C-alpha cells in the first residue's frame, strides 16, 4: 500500500503536463488521489490517452487497495474471541437442522 501513494506522486507530474484541464500540481494530485480512493470518480475528464491510462491505472490500484484493507479487517475480526464463539455456535446450530 505504500507504493500506491508513491504512484500517486509519480502520476501527478505527467497528468499535470499532459492534461489541459489540470492547471496546477495541486489539482493533478487531487485528481490522482480521487481516482485512487473513489474508483475513478473525479472532476477530471481526461482528453489525452495518457491521462486515461493514468486514471484507469489508479482506479485499478484503488480497487486492489480497498480489497486488501477489507480482507485485513475481516481477518483481524475473525481472530477475535467473541467472533470465534459466535461462529462456533452458528455452526453447531446449522448442523442440528
C-alpha atoms as a PDB file:
ATOM      1  CA  UNK A   1       0.000   0.000   0.000  1.00  0.00           C
ATOM      2  CA  UNK A   2       2.837   2.486   0.466  1.00  0.00           C
ATOM      3  CA  UNK A   3       3.524   2.022  -3.233  1.00  0.00           C
ATOM      4  CA  UNK A   4       0.100   3.416  -4.080  1.00  0.00           C
ATOM      5  CA  UNK A   5       0.957   6.764  -2.543  1.00  0.00           C
ATOM      6  CA  UNK A   6       4.288   6.752  -4.374  1.00  0.00           C
ATOM      7  CA  UNK A   7       2.461   6.093  -7.639  1.00  0.00           C
ATOM      8  CA  UNK A   8       0.064   8.947  -6.912  1.00  0.00           C
ATOM      9  CA  UNK A   9       3.053  11.283  -6.602  1.00  0.00           C
ATOM     10  CA  UNK A  10       4.662   9.873  -9.755  1.00  0.00           C
ATOM     11  CA  UNK A  11       1.459  10.076 -11.805  1.00  0.00           C
ATOM     12  CA  UNK A  12       0.854  13.670 -10.695  1.00  0.00           C
ATOM     13  CA  UNK A  13       3.702  15.003 -12.854  1.00  0.00           C
ATOM     14  CA  UNK A  14       2.636  13.607 -16.249  1.00  0.00           C
ATOM     15  CA  UNK A  15      -1.008  14.345 -15.515  1.00  0.00           C
ATOM     16  CA  UNK A  16      -0.149  17.998 -14.871  1.00  0.00           C
ATOM     17  CA  UNK A  17       1.963  18.330 -18.025  1.00  0.00           C
ATOM     18  CA  UNK A  18      -0.282  16.387 -20.412  1.00  0.00           C
ATOM     19  CA  UNK A  19      -3.857  17.286 -19.477  1.00  0.00           C
ATOM     20  CA  UNK A  20      -5.015  20.776 -20.455  1.00  0.00           C
ATOM     21  CA  UNK A  21      -7.775  20.812 -17.792  1.00  0.00           C
ATOM     22  CA  UNK A  22      -5.263  20.476 -14.940  1.00  0.00           C
ATOM     23  CA  UNK A  23      -3.836  23.865 -14.002  1.00  0.00           C
ATOM     24  CA  UNK A  24      -1.586  23.088 -11.015  1.00  0.00           C
ATOM     25  CA  UNK A  25       0.243  20.263  -9.305  1.00  0.00           C
ATOM     26  CA  UNK A  26      -2.299  20.507  -6.507  1.00  0.00           C
ATOM     27  CA  UNK A  27      -5.132  19.820  -8.960  1.00  0.00           C
ATOM     28  CA  UNK A  28      -3.225  16.935 -10.524  1.00  0.00           C
ATOM     29  CA  UNK A  29      -2.500  15.426  -7.104  1.00  0.00           C
ATOM     30  CA  UNK A  30      -6.154  15.828  -6.086  1.00  0.00           C
ATOM     31  CA  UNK A  31      -7.382  14.123  -9.250  1.00  0.00           C
ATOM     32  CA  UNK A  32      -4.910  11.250  -8.830  1.00  0.00           C
ATOM     33  CA  UNK A  33      -5.909  10.785  -5.205  1.00  0.00           C
ATOM     34  CA  UNK A  34      -9.625  10.885  -6.052  1.00  0.00           C
ATOM     35  CA  UNK A  35      -9.112   8.286  -8.797  1.00  0.00           C
ATOM     36  CA  UNK A  36      -7.351   6.026  -6.296  1.00  0.00           C
ATOM     37  CA  UNK A  37      -9.815   6.392  -3.433  1.00  0.00           C
ATOM     38  CA  UNK A  38     -13.150   6.904  -5.209  1.00  0.00           C
ATOM     39  CA  UNK A  39     -12.723   4.365  -8.042  1.00  0.00           C
ATOM     40  CA  UNK A  40     -12.008   6.864 -10.810  1.00  0.00           C
ATOM     41  CA  UNK A  41     -14.698   9.372  -9.861  1.00  0.00           C
ATOM     42  CA  UNK A  42     -13.215  12.841 -10.096  1.00  0.00           C
ATOM     43  CA  UNK A  43     -13.829  16.205 -11.720  1.00  0.00           C
ATOM     44  CA  UNK A  44     -11.311  15.467 -14.456  1.00  0.00           C
ATOM     45  CA  UNK A  45     -12.370  14.108 -17.824  1.00  0.00           C
ATOM     46  CA  UNK A  46      -9.047  13.130 -19.421  1.00  0.00           C
ATOM     47  CA  UNK A  47      -8.627  14.235 -23.021  1.00  0.00           C
ATOM     48  CA  UNK A  48      -5.339  12.520 -23.804  1.00  0.00           C
ATOM     49  CA  UNK A  49      -4.738   8.769 -23.901  1.00  0.00           C
ATOM     50  CA  UNK A  50      -2.004   9.105 -21.278  1.00  0.00           C
ATOM     51  CA  UNK A  51      -4.429  10.808 -18.905  1.00  0.00           C
ATOM     52  CA  UNK A  52      -6.917   7.969 -19.389  1.00  0.00           C
ATOM     53  CA  UNK A  53      -4.209   5.384 -18.750  1.00  0.00           C
ATOM     54  CA  UNK A  54      -3.175   7.167 -15.541  1.00  0.00           C
ATOM     55  CA  UNK A  55      -6.751   7.394 -14.237  1.00  0.00           C
ATOM     56  CA  UNK A  56      -7.543   3.767 -15.137  1.00  0.00           C
ATOM     57  CA  UNK A  57      -4.310   2.530 -13.532  1.00  0.00           C
ATOM     58  CA  UNK A  58      -5.042   4.425 -10.336  1.00  0.00           C
ATOM     59  CA  UNK A  59      -8.622   3.139 -10.345  1.00  0.00           C
ATOM     60  CA  UNK A  60      -7.429  -0.472 -10.592  1.00  0.00           C
ATOM     61  CA  UNK A  61      -4.920   0.128  -7.813  1.00  0.00           C
ATOM     62  CA  UNK A  62      -7.703   1.674  -5.742  1.00  0.00           C
ATOM     63  CA  UNK A  63      -9.871  -1.418  -6.147  1.00  0.00           C
ATOM     64  CA  UNK A  64      -6.961  -3.626  -5.086  1.00  0.00           C
ATOM     65  CA  UNK A  65      -6.178  -1.313  -2.161  1.00  0.00           C
ATOM     66  CA  UNK A  66      -9.775  -1.442  -0.914  1.00  0.00           C
ATOM     67  CA  UNK A  67      -9.810  -5.249  -1.235  1.00  0.00           C
ATOM     68  CA  UNK A  68      -6.608  -5.550   0.801  1.00  0.00           C
ATOM     69  CA  UNK A  69      -7.926  -3.252   3.517  1.00  0.00           C
ATOM     70  CA  UNK A  70     -11.241  -5.107   3.770  1.00  0.00           C
ATOM     71  CA  UNK A  71      -9.578  -8.529   3.859  1.00  0.00           C
ATOM     72  CA  UNK A  72      -7.167  -7.327   6.536  1.00  0.00           C
ATOM     73  CA  UNK A  73     -10.038  -6.024   8.672  1.00  0.00           C
ATOM     74  CA  UNK A  74     -12.029  -9.233   8.236  1.00  0.00           C
ATOM     75  CA  UNK A  75      -9.010 -11.391   9.080  1.00  0.00           C
ATOM     76  CA  UNK A  76      -8.417  -9.360  12.236  1.00  0.00           C
ATOM     77  CA  UNK A  77     -12.102  -9.583  13.167  1.00  0.00           C
ATOM     78  CA  UNK A  78     -12.142 -13.365  12.724  1.00  0.00           C
ATOM     79  CA  UNK A  79      -9.299 -13.658  15.218  1.00  0.00           C
ATOM     80  CA  UNK A  80     -11.388 -12.042  17.963  1.00  0.00           C
ATOM     81  CA  UNK A  81     -12.597 -14.473  20.596  1.00  0.00           C
ATOM     82  CA  UNK A  82     -16.149 -13.134  20.536  1.00  0.00           C
ATOM     83  CA  UNK A  83     -16.422 -13.785  16.806  1.00  0.00           C
ATOM     84  CA  UNK A  84     -14.983 -17.294  17.171  1.00  0.00           C
ATOM     85  CA  UNK A  85     -17.548 -18.137  19.858  1.00  0.00           C
ATOM     86  CA  UNK A  86     -20.348 -16.792  17.671  1.00  0.00           C
ATOM     87  CA  UNK A  87     -19.145 -18.809  14.670  1.00  0.00           C
ATOM     88  CA  UNK A  88     -18.866 -21.964  16.767  1.00  0.00           C
ATOM     89  CA  UNK A  89     -22.471 -21.551  17.987  1.00  0.00           C
ATOM     90  CA  UNK A  90     -23.678 -20.750  14.484  1.00  0.00           C
ATOM     91  CA  UNK A  91     -22.013 -23.836  13.011  1.00  0.00           C
ATOM     92  CA  UNK A  92     -23.356 -26.141  15.717  1.00  0.00           C
ATOM     93  CA  UNK A  93     -26.848 -24.693  15.244  1.00  0.00           C
ATOM     94  CA  UNK A  94     -26.708 -25.354  11.489  1.00  0.00           C
ATOM     95  CA  UNK A  95     -25.571 -28.966  11.994  1.00  0.00           C
ATOM     96  CA  UNK A  96     -28.630 -29.684  14.129  1.00  0.00           C
ATOM     97  CA  UNK A  97     -31.057 -28.510  11.435  1.00  0.00           C
END
